[in-house]
Amino acid sequence: MSTTRLVVTRGRGASRPDVRVETAGPRGRGHLAARILPPRGGVARVALLAEGALLLGGDEVEVHLVLGAGVRVEVVEPAGTVAYDMRGDRASWRVRVEAGDNSRMTWRGQSFVVSNGAQVERSTTVDLGARAVVAWRELLVLGRTGEAGGRLHTTTRVACGGPLLVEDLVLDGSQPRVGVLGSARVLETISVVGCRAAPGDLVTPAHRLELDREGTVLRWWGSQAHESSLGAAWRAVVRDLSAPRPSAPDAPPNLPQTMPAHEGPGKKPRGRSNGATALPHVTEETDAATATPVVAVASPAATP
C-alpha cells in the first residue's frame, strides 16, 4: 500500500493557503508524488505525478485529501494512468476526500486506461462538511488502441449528513454487457456534489442526473476520448468554483449562472452503467427497446 496524503488549511494570508504533503510506500514514498503549484487567486493548486510505471499487478494506490474549513483547492493530473496486463494479479486505486465546512475542490482527472489483462478496483469516497462543494472529472477508457480492455470495478460514495451519491459500476472489455456501454469504450463523468451544476444543453449520448439533494452528475460515453462533449461543462464548473468566496461566512457557494451549450457527436446512447446510481428517492432505469437511460426523481412523499 502506498499513500499520498495532502492536508490543505488556510494560511495567514488569504492568498497563501498552507499545503502539507505526506507520502508513504514500500520505498518510503508513495506511487504518486505531489507537487505544490503556485496558488492562483487564493486557490491552492497541487499536481499529482506518477513516481514510476502505474498501474502494475499488486499496486495499491491511495490518495487522501483533507481540506480545512474555507479552503479552495485545485488538483491537477498532468498525465493519464495506464493499468497494464497484470497476468492474473490485480491492483487498486483509492481516493478519499474529507472536505471541511465551506471548502471547495476541483479535480480534473486525465485518462485512466485499463489494458487487456488488467484487473482494477477503483474507489472514490467523499465526506462533505456544511456548504462544502467537491467536483471531479474522470475519464475511463477500456483498452489501449486495438484492445478490448480489462476489468474495472469502480465505486463512488458521497456522504453529507447521510448518503448523497452511491454507485457501483463494473466495466469489462472482454465481457461487454447489454445496457452498460454497448460498443463504447470510453466513459467520462463530471460529478458535482454540494451544489447543482447550472442547466445546460447536452448532446446525446451525454446525459444529466440531478441527485435528490444538492448535486449533479453529467455522463458521456463513446469510442474516442477526444469526442467528448463535456469539456465546456467542466470549464464552467471550474470557473465558478474557483471564484472568490462570498463575504458572508454562512452564504452558500457561488453557483454557475450560465453554462455554454456542449458540442459533441450526435450518436444515440447505447445504455447506462450497471449498478444504478442509487440515491434516496432517485431511480435510473434503461428502456429495453431503445437502451436509453430513463431517470426519475421522486418526491420524498413518493418514496416508501
C-alpha atoms as a PDB file:
ATOM      1  CA  MET A   1       0.000   0.000   0.000  1.00  0.00           C
ATOM      2  CA  SER A   2       1.297   3.457  -0.884  1.00  0.00           C
ATOM      3  CA  THR A   3      -0.409   6.591   0.380  1.00  0.00           C
ATOM      4  CA  THR A   4      -0.212  10.207  -0.727  1.00  0.00           C
ATOM      5  CA  ARG A   5      -1.852  12.461   1.861  1.00  0.00           C
ATOM      6  CA  LEU A   6      -2.466  16.175   1.381  1.00  0.00           C
ATOM      7  CA  VAL A   7      -3.700  18.486   4.104  1.00  0.00           C
ATOM      8  CA  VAL A   8      -4.751  21.984   2.995  1.00  0.00           C
ATOM      9  CA  THR A   9      -5.503  24.696   5.545  1.00  0.00           C
ATOM     10  CA  ARG A  10      -5.967  28.444   5.412  1.00  0.00           C
ATOM     11  CA  GLY A  11      -2.668  30.257   5.798  1.00  0.00           C
ATOM     12  CA  ARG A  12      -2.004  33.549   7.491  1.00  0.00           C
ATOM     13  CA  GLY A  13      -2.649  35.355   4.216  1.00  0.00           C
ATOM     14  CA  ALA A  14      -5.879  34.656   2.337  1.00  0.00           C
ATOM     15  CA  SER A  15      -3.901  34.214  -0.913  1.00  0.00           C
ATOM     16  CA  ARG A  16      -1.360  31.775   0.579  1.00  0.00           C
ATOM     17  CA  PRO A  17      -3.049  28.546   1.716  1.00  0.00           C
ATOM     18  CA  ASP A  18      -0.871  26.041   3.558  1.00  0.00           C
ATOM     19  CA  VAL A  19      -0.394  22.638   1.903  1.00  0.00           C
ATOM     20  CA  ARG A  20       1.242  19.726   3.728  1.00  0.00           C
ATOM     21  CA  VAL A  21       2.187  16.591   1.799  1.00  0.00           C
ATOM     22  CA  GLU A  22       2.887  13.191   3.336  1.00  0.00           C
ATOM     23  CA  THR A  23       3.847  10.109   1.304  1.00  0.00           C
ATOM     24  CA  ALA A  24       4.415   6.563   2.439  1.00  0.00           C
ATOM     25  CA  GLY A  25       5.123   3.404   0.489  1.00  0.00           C
ATOM     26  CA  PRO A  26       7.349   0.344   0.100  1.00  0.00           C
ATOM     27  CA  ARG A  27      10.408   2.531  -0.531  1.00  0.00           C
ATOM     28  CA  GLY A  28       9.470   5.307   1.860  1.00  0.00           C
ATOM     29  CA  ARG A  29       7.430   7.162  -0.741  1.00  0.00           C
ATOM     30  CA  GLY A  30       4.113   6.720  -2.485  1.00  0.00           C
ATOM     31  CA  HIS A  31       3.411   5.724  -6.062  1.00  0.00           C
ATOM     32  CA  LEU A  32       2.185   9.295  -6.599  1.00  0.00           C
ATOM     33  CA  ALA A  33       4.256  12.385  -5.894  1.00  0.00           C
ATOM     34  CA  ALA A  34       2.536  15.675  -5.087  1.00  0.00           C
ATOM     35  CA  ARG A  35       3.956  18.924  -6.451  1.00  0.00           C
ATOM     36  CA  ILE A  36       2.693  22.137  -4.933  1.00  0.00           C
ATOM     37  CA  LEU A  37       1.996  24.706  -7.653  1.00  0.00           C
ATOM     38  CA  PRO A  38       1.801  28.481  -7.129  1.00  0.00           C
ATOM     39  CA  PRO A  39      -1.637  29.413  -5.762  1.00  0.00           C
ATOM     40  CA  ARG A  40      -3.942  31.331  -8.063  1.00  0.00           C
ATOM     41  CA  GLY A  41      -6.445  33.788  -6.628  1.00  0.00           C
ATOM     42  CA  GLY A  42      -6.314  32.144  -3.216  1.00  0.00           C
ATOM     43  CA  VAL A  43      -6.824  28.658  -4.699  1.00  0.00           C
ATOM     44  CA  ALA A  44      -4.273  26.053  -3.579  1.00  0.00           C
ATOM     45  CA  ARG A  45      -3.025  24.037  -6.564  1.00  0.00           C
ATOM     46  CA  VAL A  46      -1.458  20.583  -6.392  1.00  0.00           C
ATOM     47  CA  ALA A  47      -0.232  18.326  -9.211  1.00  0.00           C
ATOM     48  CA  LEU A  48      -0.140  14.539  -8.820  1.00  0.00           C
ATOM     49  CA  LEU A  49       2.657  12.760 -10.716  1.00  0.00           C
ATOM     50  CA  ALA A  50       3.448   9.062 -11.014  1.00  0.00           C
ATOM     51  CA  GLU A  51       6.804   8.064  -9.472  1.00  0.00           C
ATOM     52  CA  GLY A  52       7.066   5.124 -11.885  1.00  0.00           C
ATOM     53  CA  ALA A  53       5.002   2.833 -14.087  1.00  0.00           C
ATOM     54  CA  LEU A  54       1.371   2.669 -12.966  1.00  0.00           C
ATOM     55  CA  LEU A  55      -0.596   0.513 -12.516  1.00  0.00           C
ATOM     56  CA  LEU A  56       1.083  -2.870 -12.214  1.00  0.00           C
ATOM     57  CA  GLY A  57      -0.191  -6.058 -10.631  1.00  0.00           C
ATOM     58  CA  GLY A  58      -0.102  -5.771  -6.843  1.00  0.00           C
ATOM     59  CA  ASP A  59      -0.063  -1.951  -6.765  1.00  0.00           C
ATOM     60  CA  GLU A  60      -2.277  -0.389  -4.094  1.00  0.00           C
ATOM     61  CA  VAL A  61      -2.516   3.366  -4.529  1.00  0.00           C
ATOM     62  CA  GLU A  62      -4.331   5.636  -2.091  1.00  0.00           C
ATOM     63  CA  VAL A  63      -4.798   9.408  -2.243  1.00  0.00           C
ATOM     64  CA  HIS A  64      -6.176  11.077   0.884  1.00  0.00           C
ATOM     65  CA  LEU A  65      -7.099  14.771   0.785  1.00  0.00           C
ATOM     66  CA  VAL A  66      -8.045  16.707   3.903  1.00  0.00           C
ATOM     67  CA  LEU A  67      -9.497  20.160   3.220  1.00  0.00           C
ATOM     68  CA  GLY A  68      -9.654  22.629   6.078  1.00  0.00           C
ATOM     69  CA  ALA A  69     -12.622  24.910   6.596  1.00  0.00           C
ATOM     70  CA  GLY A  70     -12.969  27.569   3.924  1.00  0.00           C
ATOM     71  CA  VAL A  71     -10.104  26.480   1.649  1.00  0.00           C
ATOM     72  CA  ARG A  72     -10.261  26.240  -2.136  1.00  0.00           C
ATOM     73  CA  VAL A  73      -8.195  23.552  -3.867  1.00  0.00           C
ATOM     74  CA  GLU A  74      -7.476  22.544  -7.452  1.00  0.00           C
ATOM     75  CA  VAL A  75      -5.968  19.097  -8.118  1.00  0.00           C
ATOM     76  CA  VAL A  76      -4.196  18.603 -11.446  1.00  0.00           C
ATOM     77  CA  GLU A  77      -3.137  15.414 -13.212  1.00  0.00           C
ATOM     78  CA  PRO A  78      -0.536  16.309 -15.880  1.00  0.00           C
ATOM     79  CA  ALA A  79      -0.696  12.812 -17.404  1.00  0.00           C
ATOM     80  CA  GLY A  80      -3.026   9.855 -17.555  1.00  0.00           C
ATOM     81  CA  THR A  81      -2.669   6.438 -15.942  1.00  0.00           C
ATOM     82  CA  VAL A  82      -2.402   3.051 -17.658  1.00  0.00           C
ATOM     83  CA  ALA A  83      -3.266  -0.184 -15.875  1.00  0.00           C
ATOM     84  CA  TYR A  84      -1.107  -2.806 -17.607  1.00  0.00           C
ATOM     85  CA  ASP A  85      -1.649  -6.544 -18.084  1.00  0.00           C
ATOM     86  CA  MET A  86      -1.459  -7.952 -14.556  1.00  0.00           C
ATOM     87  CA  ARG A  87      -1.121 -11.627 -15.522  1.00  0.00           C
ATOM     88  CA  GLY A  88      -3.747 -12.830 -13.071  1.00  0.00           C
ATOM     89  CA  ASP A  89      -2.926 -10.291 -10.356  1.00  0.00           C
ATOM     90  CA  ARG A  90      -4.942  -7.149  -9.533  1.00  0.00           C
ATOM     91  CA  ALA A  91      -4.412  -3.548  -8.407  1.00  0.00           C
ATOM     92  CA  SER A  92      -6.374  -0.864  -6.563  1.00  0.00           C
ATOM     93  CA  TRP A  93      -6.728   2.917  -6.818  1.00  0.00           C
ATOM     94  CA  ARG A  94      -8.481   4.653  -3.919  1.00  0.00           C
ATOM     95  CA  VAL A  95      -9.293   8.331  -3.419  1.00  0.00           C
ATOM     96  CA  ARG A  96     -10.665   9.692  -0.149  1.00  0.00           C
ATOM     97  CA  VAL A  97     -11.665  13.334   0.347  1.00  0.00           C
ATOM     98  CA  GLU A  98     -12.597  14.965   3.649  1.00  0.00           C
ATOM     99  CA  ALA A  99     -13.987  18.389   2.777  1.00  0.00           C
ATOM    100  CA  GLY A 100     -14.269  20.789   5.710  1.00  0.00           C
ATOM    101  CA  ASP A 101     -17.076  23.294   6.147  1.00  0.00           C
ATOM    102  CA  ASN A 102     -17.410  25.777   3.278  1.00  0.00           C
ATOM    103  CA  SER A 103     -14.429  24.314   1.402  1.00  0.00           C
ATOM    104  CA  ARG A 104     -14.292  23.718  -2.361  1.00  0.00           C
ATOM    105  CA  MET A 105     -12.276  21.381  -4.523  1.00  0.00           C
ATOM    106  CA  THR A 106     -11.993  20.621  -8.237  1.00  0.00           C
ATOM    107  CA  TRP A 107     -10.093  17.635  -9.611  1.00  0.00           C
ATOM    108  CA  ARG A 108      -9.573  17.179 -13.339  1.00  0.00           C
ATOM    109  CA  GLY A 109      -8.588  13.564 -13.889  1.00  0.00           C
ATOM    110  CA  GLN A 110      -6.814  12.505 -17.051  1.00  0.00           C
ATOM    111  CA  SER A 111      -7.495   9.251 -18.904  1.00  0.00           C
ATOM    112  CA  PHE A 112      -7.482   6.075 -16.815  1.00  0.00           C
ATOM    113  CA  VAL A 113      -6.775   3.272 -19.316  1.00  0.00           C
ATOM    114  CA  VAL A 114      -7.483  -0.359 -18.421  1.00  0.00           C
ATOM    115  CA  SER A 115      -5.396  -2.566 -20.740  1.00  0.00           C
ATOM    116  CA  ASN A 116      -6.084  -6.152 -21.709  1.00  0.00           C
ATOM    117  CA  GLY A 117      -5.407  -8.424 -18.744  1.00  0.00           C
ATOM    118  CA  ALA A 118      -5.715  -5.658 -16.131  1.00  0.00           C
ATOM    119  CA  GLN A 119      -7.994  -6.076 -13.109  1.00  0.00           C
ATOM    120  CA  VAL A 120      -8.531  -2.879 -11.146  1.00  0.00           C
ATOM    121  CA  GLU A 121     -10.594  -1.870  -8.121  1.00  0.00           C
ATOM    122  CA  ARG A 122     -11.122   1.898  -8.159  1.00  0.00           C
ATOM    123  CA  SER A 123     -12.990   3.833  -5.459  1.00  0.00           C
ATOM    124  CA  THR A 124     -13.852   7.448  -4.640  1.00  0.00           C
ATOM    125  CA  THR A 125     -15.130   8.393  -1.174  1.00  0.00           C
ATOM    126  CA  VAL A 126     -16.123  11.959  -0.282  1.00  0.00           C
ATOM    127  CA  ASP A 127     -17.264  13.291   3.100  1.00  0.00           C
ATOM    128  CA  LEU A 128     -18.772  16.775   2.777  1.00  0.00           C
ATOM    129  CA  GLY A 129     -18.878  19.327   5.551  1.00  0.00           C
ATOM    130  CA  ALA A 130     -21.521  22.046   5.746  1.00  0.00           C
ATOM    131  CA  ARG A 131     -21.672  24.106   2.498  1.00  0.00           C
ATOM    132  CA  ALA A 132     -18.652  22.249   1.069  1.00  0.00           C
ATOM    133  CA  VAL A 133     -18.545  21.604  -2.704  1.00  0.00           C
ATOM    134  CA  VAL A 134     -16.423  18.994  -4.470  1.00  0.00           C
ATOM    135  CA  ALA A 135     -16.310  18.490  -8.245  1.00  0.00           C
ATOM    136  CA  TRP A 136     -14.281  15.948 -10.169  1.00  0.00           C
ATOM    137  CA  ARG A 137     -13.991  14.772 -13.742  1.00  0.00           C
ATOM    138  CA  GLU A 138     -12.893  11.245 -14.600  1.00  0.00           C
ATOM    139  CA  LEU A 139     -12.243   9.609 -17.952  1.00  0.00           C
ATOM    140  CA  LEU A 140     -12.318   5.798 -18.018  1.00  0.00           C
ATOM    141  CA  VAL A 141     -11.008   4.043 -21.125  1.00  0.00           C
ATOM    142  CA  LEU A 142     -11.267   0.320 -21.842  1.00  0.00           C
ATOM    143  CA  GLY A 143      -8.117  -0.803 -23.617  1.00  0.00           C
ATOM    144  CA  ARG A 144      -5.312   0.855 -25.475  1.00  0.00           C
ATOM    145  CA  THR A 145      -5.545   1.220 -29.256  1.00  0.00           C
ATOM    146  CA  GLY A 146      -6.653  -2.080 -30.753  1.00  0.00           C
ATOM    147  CA  GLU A 147      -7.525  -3.636 -27.372  1.00  0.00           C
ATOM    148  CA  ALA A 148     -10.881  -4.601 -25.879  1.00  0.00           C
ATOM    149  CA  GLY A 149      -9.703  -3.715 -22.360  1.00  0.00           C
ATOM    150  CA  GLY A 150      -9.565  -5.428 -18.986  1.00  0.00           C
ATOM    151  CA  ARG A 151     -11.874  -5.382 -15.983  1.00  0.00           C
ATOM    152  CA  LEU A 152     -12.604  -2.300 -13.866  1.00  0.00           C
ATOM    153  CA  HIS A 153     -14.809  -2.214 -10.780  1.00  0.00           C
ATOM    154  CA  THR A 154     -15.343   1.374  -9.688  1.00  0.00           C
ATOM    155  CA  THR A 155     -17.359   2.582  -6.683  1.00  0.00           C
ATOM    156  CA  THR A 156     -18.403   6.068  -5.590  1.00  0.00           C
ATOM    157  CA  ARG A 157     -19.617   7.011  -2.124  1.00  0.00           C
ATOM    158  CA  VAL A 158     -20.520  10.589  -1.165  1.00  0.00           C
ATOM    159  CA  ALA A 159     -21.959  11.492   2.234  1.00  0.00           C
ATOM    160  CA  CYS A 160     -23.206  14.770   3.666  1.00  0.00           C
ATOM    161  CA  GLY A 161     -25.160  14.092   6.826  1.00  0.00           C
ATOM    162  CA  GLY A 162     -26.252  10.844   5.148  1.00  0.00           C
ATOM    163  CA  PRO A 163     -25.771   9.192   1.731  1.00  0.00           C
ATOM    164  CA  LEU A 164     -25.783  11.643  -1.172  1.00  0.00           C
ATOM    165  CA  LEU A 165     -24.368   9.536  -4.018  1.00  0.00           C
ATOM    166  CA  VAL A 166     -23.825   5.770  -4.102  1.00  0.00           C
ATOM    167  CA  GLU A 167     -22.754   3.970  -7.272  1.00  0.00           C
ATOM    168  CA  ASP A 168     -21.167   0.636  -8.203  1.00  0.00           C
ATOM    169  CA  LEU A 169     -20.042   0.189 -11.794  1.00  0.00           C
ATOM    170  CA  VAL A 170     -18.392  -2.824 -13.420  1.00  0.00           C
ATOM    171  CA  LEU A 171     -16.807  -2.495 -16.875  1.00  0.00           C
ATOM    172  CA  ASP A 172     -15.178  -5.455 -18.602  1.00  0.00           C
ATOM    173  CA  GLY A 173     -13.870  -5.130 -22.132  1.00  0.00           C
ATOM    174  CA  SER A 174     -13.718  -8.896 -22.583  1.00  0.00           C
ATOM    175  CA  GLN A 175     -17.349  -9.316 -21.496  1.00  0.00           C
ATOM    176  CA  PRO A 176     -19.395  -6.290 -22.664  1.00  0.00           C
ATOM    177  CA  ARG A 177     -22.866  -6.125 -21.142  1.00  0.00           C
ATOM    178  CA  VAL A 178     -26.086  -5.024 -22.776  1.00  0.00           C
ATOM    179  CA  GLY A 179     -27.370  -1.768 -21.293  1.00  0.00           C
ATOM    180  CA  VAL A 180     -23.959  -0.695 -19.919  1.00  0.00           C
ATOM    181  CA  LEU A 181     -21.666   0.747 -22.614  1.00  0.00           C
ATOM    182  CA  GLY A 182     -22.664  -1.232 -25.687  1.00  0.00           C
ATOM    183  CA  SER A 183     -19.908  -0.801 -28.267  1.00  0.00           C
ATOM    184  CA  ALA A 184     -18.464   2.266 -26.484  1.00  0.00           C
ATOM    185  CA  ARG A 185     -15.082   2.010 -24.770  1.00  0.00           C
ATOM    186  CA  VAL A 186     -14.838   5.465 -23.167  1.00  0.00           C
ATOM    187  CA  LEU A 187     -16.896   6.728 -20.222  1.00  0.00           C
ATOM    188  CA  GLU A 188     -16.494  10.288 -18.959  1.00  0.00           C
ATOM    189  CA  THR A 189     -18.220  11.608 -15.853  1.00  0.00           C
ATOM    190  CA  ILE A 190     -18.414  15.010 -14.179  1.00  0.00           C
ATOM    191  CA  SER A 191     -19.671  14.808 -10.591  1.00  0.00           C
ATOM    192  CA  VAL A 192     -20.589  17.948  -8.639  1.00  0.00           C
ATOM    193  CA  VAL A 193     -21.668  17.418  -5.022  1.00  0.00           C
ATOM    194  CA  GLY A 194     -22.653  20.104  -2.543  1.00  0.00           C
ATOM    195  CA  CYS A 195     -24.386  22.225  -5.197  1.00  0.00           C
ATOM    196  CA  ARG A 196     -26.027  21.687  -8.564  1.00  0.00           C
ATOM    197  CA  ALA A 197     -24.358  22.444 -11.878  1.00  0.00           C
ATOM    198  CA  ALA A 198     -26.183  25.126 -13.852  1.00  0.00           C
ATOM    199  CA  PRO A 199     -28.565  23.939 -16.576  1.00  0.00           C
ATOM    200  CA  GLY A 200     -27.024  23.425 -19.992  1.00  0.00           C
ATOM    201  CA  ASP A 201     -27.765  21.640 -23.235  1.00  0.00           C
ATOM    202  CA  LEU A 202     -26.186  18.213 -23.600  1.00  0.00           C
ATOM    203  CA  VAL A 203     -25.725  16.427 -26.907  1.00  0.00           C
ATOM    204  CA  THR A 204     -26.508  12.698 -26.881  1.00  0.00           C
ATOM    205  CA  PRO A 205     -25.080  10.375 -25.787  1.00  0.00           C
ATOM    206  CA  ALA A 206     -24.406  12.757 -22.873  1.00  0.00           C
ATOM    207  CA  HIS A 207     -26.937  12.715 -20.030  1.00  0.00           C
ATOM    208  CA  ARG A 208     -27.587  14.653 -16.839  1.00  0.00           C
ATOM    209  CA  LEU A 209     -28.721  13.247 -13.500  1.00  0.00           C
ATOM    210  CA  GLU A 210     -29.895  15.528 -10.709  1.00  0.00           C
ATOM    211  CA  LEU A 211     -29.344  13.995  -7.295  1.00  0.00           C
ATOM    212  CA  ASP A 212     -32.080  14.004  -4.688  1.00  0.00           C
ATOM    213  CA  ARG A 213     -30.151  16.622  -2.738  1.00  0.00           C
ATOM    214  CA  GLU A 214     -27.577  19.171  -3.911  1.00  0.00           C
ATOM    215  CA  GLY A 215     -25.577  17.504  -6.661  1.00  0.00           C
ATOM    216  CA  THR A 216     -25.384  16.798 -10.385  1.00  0.00           C
ATOM    217  CA  VAL A 217     -23.809  14.005 -12.445  1.00  0.00           C
ATOM    218  CA  LEU A 218     -23.040  14.551 -16.142  1.00  0.00           C
ATOM    219  CA  ARG A 219     -22.044  11.493 -18.160  1.00  0.00           C
ATOM    220  CA  TRP A 220     -20.870  10.842 -21.716  1.00  0.00           C
ATOM    221  CA  TRP A 221     -19.758   7.662 -23.459  1.00  0.00           C
ATOM    222  CA  GLY A 222     -18.285   6.971 -26.888  1.00  0.00           C
ATOM    223  CA  SER A 223     -15.496   5.324 -28.818  1.00  0.00           C
ATOM    224  CA  GLN A 224     -12.849   8.090 -28.645  1.00  0.00           C
ATOM    225  CA  ALA A 225     -11.994  10.318 -25.686  1.00  0.00           C
ATOM    226  CA  HIS A 226     -11.464  13.419 -27.820  1.00  0.00           C
ATOM    227  CA  GLU A 227     -15.091  13.264 -28.997  1.00  0.00           C
ATOM    228  CA  SER A 228     -16.462  14.017 -25.527  1.00  0.00           C
ATOM    229  CA  SER A 229     -18.993  16.842 -25.259  1.00  0.00           C
ATOM    230  CA  LEU A 230     -18.330  17.619 -21.571  1.00  0.00           C
ATOM    231  CA  GLY A 231     -15.377  19.997 -21.945  1.00  0.00           C
ATOM    232  CA  ALA A 232     -17.421  23.202 -21.820  1.00  0.00           C
ATOM    233  CA  ALA A 233     -19.409  21.945 -18.837  1.00  0.00           C
ATOM    234  CA  TRP A 234     -16.217  21.243 -16.879  1.00  0.00           C
ATOM    235  CA  ARG A 235     -14.710  24.656 -17.669  1.00  0.00           C
ATOM    236  CA  ALA A 236     -17.891  26.303 -16.367  1.00  0.00           C
ATOM    237  CA  VAL A 237     -17.758  24.286 -13.131  1.00  0.00           C
ATOM    238  CA  VAL A 238     -14.085  25.150 -12.527  1.00  0.00           C
ATOM    239  CA  ARG A 239     -14.641  28.813 -13.292  1.00  0.00           C
ATOM    240  CA  ASP A 240     -17.459  29.190 -10.799  1.00  0.00           C
ATOM    241  CA  LEU A 241     -15.993  27.111  -8.000  1.00  0.00           C
ATOM    242  CA  SER A 242     -12.675  28.971  -8.308  1.00  0.00           C
ATOM    243  CA  ALA A 243     -14.358  32.366  -7.976  1.00  0.00           C
ATOM    244  CA  PRO A 244     -13.799  34.402  -4.780  1.00  0.00           C
ATOM    245  CA  ARG A 245     -15.857  33.271  -1.846  1.00  0.00           C
ATOM    246  CA  PRO A 246     -18.940  35.239  -0.703  1.00  0.00           C
ATOM    247  CA  SER A 247     -18.173  37.762   2.028  1.00  0.00           C
ATOM    248  CA  ALA A 248     -20.881  36.376   4.333  1.00  0.00           C
ATOM    249  CA  PRO A 249     -19.418  33.347   6.164  1.00  0.00           C
ATOM    250  CA  ASP A 250     -22.658  31.397   6.034  1.00  0.00           C
ATOM    251  CA  ALA A 251     -23.533  32.162   2.416  1.00  0.00           C
ATOM    252  CA  PRO A 252     -23.870  29.171   0.083  1.00  0.00           C
ATOM    253  CA  PRO A 253     -21.205  28.558  -2.560  1.00  0.00           C
ATOM    254  CA  ASN A 254     -21.350  30.588  -5.768  1.00  0.00           C
ATOM    255  CA  LEU A 255     -23.350  28.572  -8.248  1.00  0.00           C
ATOM    256  CA  PRO A 256     -22.840  28.722 -12.008  1.00  0.00           C
ATOM    257  CA  GLN A 257     -25.291  31.159 -13.597  1.00  0.00           C
ATOM    258  CA  THR A 258     -24.794  30.075 -17.171  1.00  0.00           C
ATOM    259  CA  MET A 259     -23.267  27.108 -18.876  1.00  0.00           C
ATOM    260  CA  PRO A 260     -22.332  27.009 -22.559  1.00  0.00           C
ATOM    261  CA  ALA A 261     -24.025  24.513 -24.810  1.00  0.00           C
ATOM    262  CA  HIS A 262     -21.897  21.440 -25.297  1.00  0.00           C
ATOM    263  CA  GLU A 263     -20.600  20.316 -28.646  1.00  0.00           C
ATOM    264  CA  GLY A 264     -20.306  16.656 -29.402  1.00  0.00           C
ATOM    265  CA  PRO A 265     -21.289  13.802 -31.666  1.00  0.00           C
ATOM    266  CA  GLY A 266     -24.999  13.197 -32.145  1.00  0.00           C
ATOM    267  CA  LYS A 267     -24.844   9.482 -31.501  1.00  0.00           C
ATOM    268  CA  LYS A 268     -27.650   7.589 -29.874  1.00  0.00           C
ATOM    269  CA  PRO A 269     -26.919   6.333 -26.382  1.00  0.00           C
ATOM    270  CA  ARG A 270     -26.150   2.657 -26.065  1.00  0.00           C
ATOM    271  CA  GLY A 271     -27.141   2.165 -22.432  1.00  0.00           C
ATOM    272  CA  ARG A 272     -26.221   3.003 -18.884  1.00  0.00           C
ATOM    273  CA  SER A 273     -23.913   1.715 -16.210  1.00  0.00           C
ATOM    274  CA  ASN A 274     -24.859  -1.397 -14.327  1.00  0.00           C
ATOM    275  CA  GLY A 275     -25.338  -0.821 -10.634  1.00  0.00           C
ATOM    276  CA  ALA A 276     -27.777   2.098 -10.609  1.00  0.00           C
ATOM    277  CA  THR A 277     -26.686   5.455  -9.332  1.00  0.00           C
ATOM    278  CA  ALA A 278     -28.591   4.763  -6.152  1.00  0.00           C
ATOM    279  CA  LEU A 279     -29.757   7.650  -4.046  1.00  0.00           C
ATOM    280  CA  PRO A 280     -32.682   8.261  -1.742  1.00  0.00           C
ATOM    281  CA  HIS A 281     -35.688   8.984  -3.991  1.00  0.00           C
ATOM    282  CA  VAL A 282     -33.676   8.627  -7.227  1.00  0.00           C
ATOM    283  CA  THR A 283     -34.009   5.788  -9.689  1.00  0.00           C
ATOM    284  CA  GLU A 284     -32.370   5.195 -13.062  1.00  0.00           C
ATOM    285  CA  GLU A 285     -33.604   2.523 -15.430  1.00  0.00           C
ATOM    286  CA  THR A 286     -32.994   1.533 -19.041  1.00  0.00           C
ATOM    287  CA  ASP A 287     -35.699   1.319 -21.682  1.00  0.00           C
ATOM    288  CA  ALA A 288     -35.298  -2.237 -23.004  1.00  0.00           C
ATOM    289  CA  ALA A 289     -36.396  -1.278 -26.510  1.00  0.00           C
ATOM    290  CA  THR A 290     -34.079   1.669 -27.031  1.00  0.00           C
ATOM    291  CA  ALA A 291     -31.350   1.086 -24.397  1.00  0.00           C
ATOM    292  CA  THR A 292     -31.817   4.735 -23.430  1.00  0.00           C
ATOM    293  CA  PRO A 293     -31.377   5.734 -19.772  1.00  0.00           C
ATOM    294  CA  VAL A 294     -34.579   6.910 -18.133  1.00  0.00           C
ATOM    295  CA  VAL A 295     -34.084   8.918 -14.960  1.00  0.00           C
ATOM    296  CA  ALA A 296     -36.830   9.520 -12.422  1.00  0.00           C
ATOM    297  CA  VAL A 297     -36.516  11.785  -9.401  1.00  0.00           C
ATOM    298  CA  ALA A 298     -39.347  11.152  -6.981  1.00  0.00           C
ATOM    299  CA  SER A 299     -40.526  13.419  -4.225  1.00  0.00           C
ATOM    300  CA  PRO A 300     -39.908  12.295  -0.620  1.00  0.00           C
ATOM    301  CA  ALA A 301     -43.584  11.590  -0.192  1.00  0.00           C
ATOM    302  CA  ALA A 302     -43.491   9.128  -3.073  1.00  0.00           C
ATOM    303  CA  THR A 303     -40.765   7.035  -1.510  1.00  0.00           C
ATOM    304  CA  PRO A 304     -41.864   4.055   0.581  1.00  0.00           C
END
